[in-house]
Amino acid sequence: MRILAAAALAAGLLAPASAAAADATGTWLRATGTSRIKITRCGGDALCGSISWLKDPTGPDGKPRTDDQNPDAGRRTRPLLGLPIVLNMKPTGKPDQWKGEVYKADEGKTYTGFLSAIDAQHLKLEGCVMGGMICKAETLKRVD
């Protein structure tokens, strides 16, 4: 009987360790409150995200905001709404962490990116340079 009780206790202690990985898919509000990013699966276990909402979707001219800082002149007329900005994030091997690229539209630059689940309601999104030595992070909050 003691062996059964010990086995049941051990199973209960080990159960959280086998819990499913955090689900990073969904809609996330940026810390600035100015936009939302919808993160979805994009082939296998990779994650991608695009701008799904803008607090101020139109510019001073009354037209939809565009990717006007893009170094490629042919892409400067792309609408920001729907623009892919979290690109091909693949699992790193660490729990609840993905690595890929992040496009920063207000700079027109693409950076090495990391996405990490903080908890079920928060993600950390990082853009890095110099092989990940210098990074800028932002916390995203789940809104769906």
Foldseek 3Di string as FASTA:
>chain_A
DVVVVVVVVVCVVCVVVPDDFADPAAWWAWPVNFWIWGWDDDPDQWIWIATADGPDQADPVRHGQFLLQAPPPVRGRHGRHGGIFGPGWDDPPDGQKTWDWGQDSVNNDIFTWMWGDPDNFKIKIWGAPPVRPDIDITIIGHDD
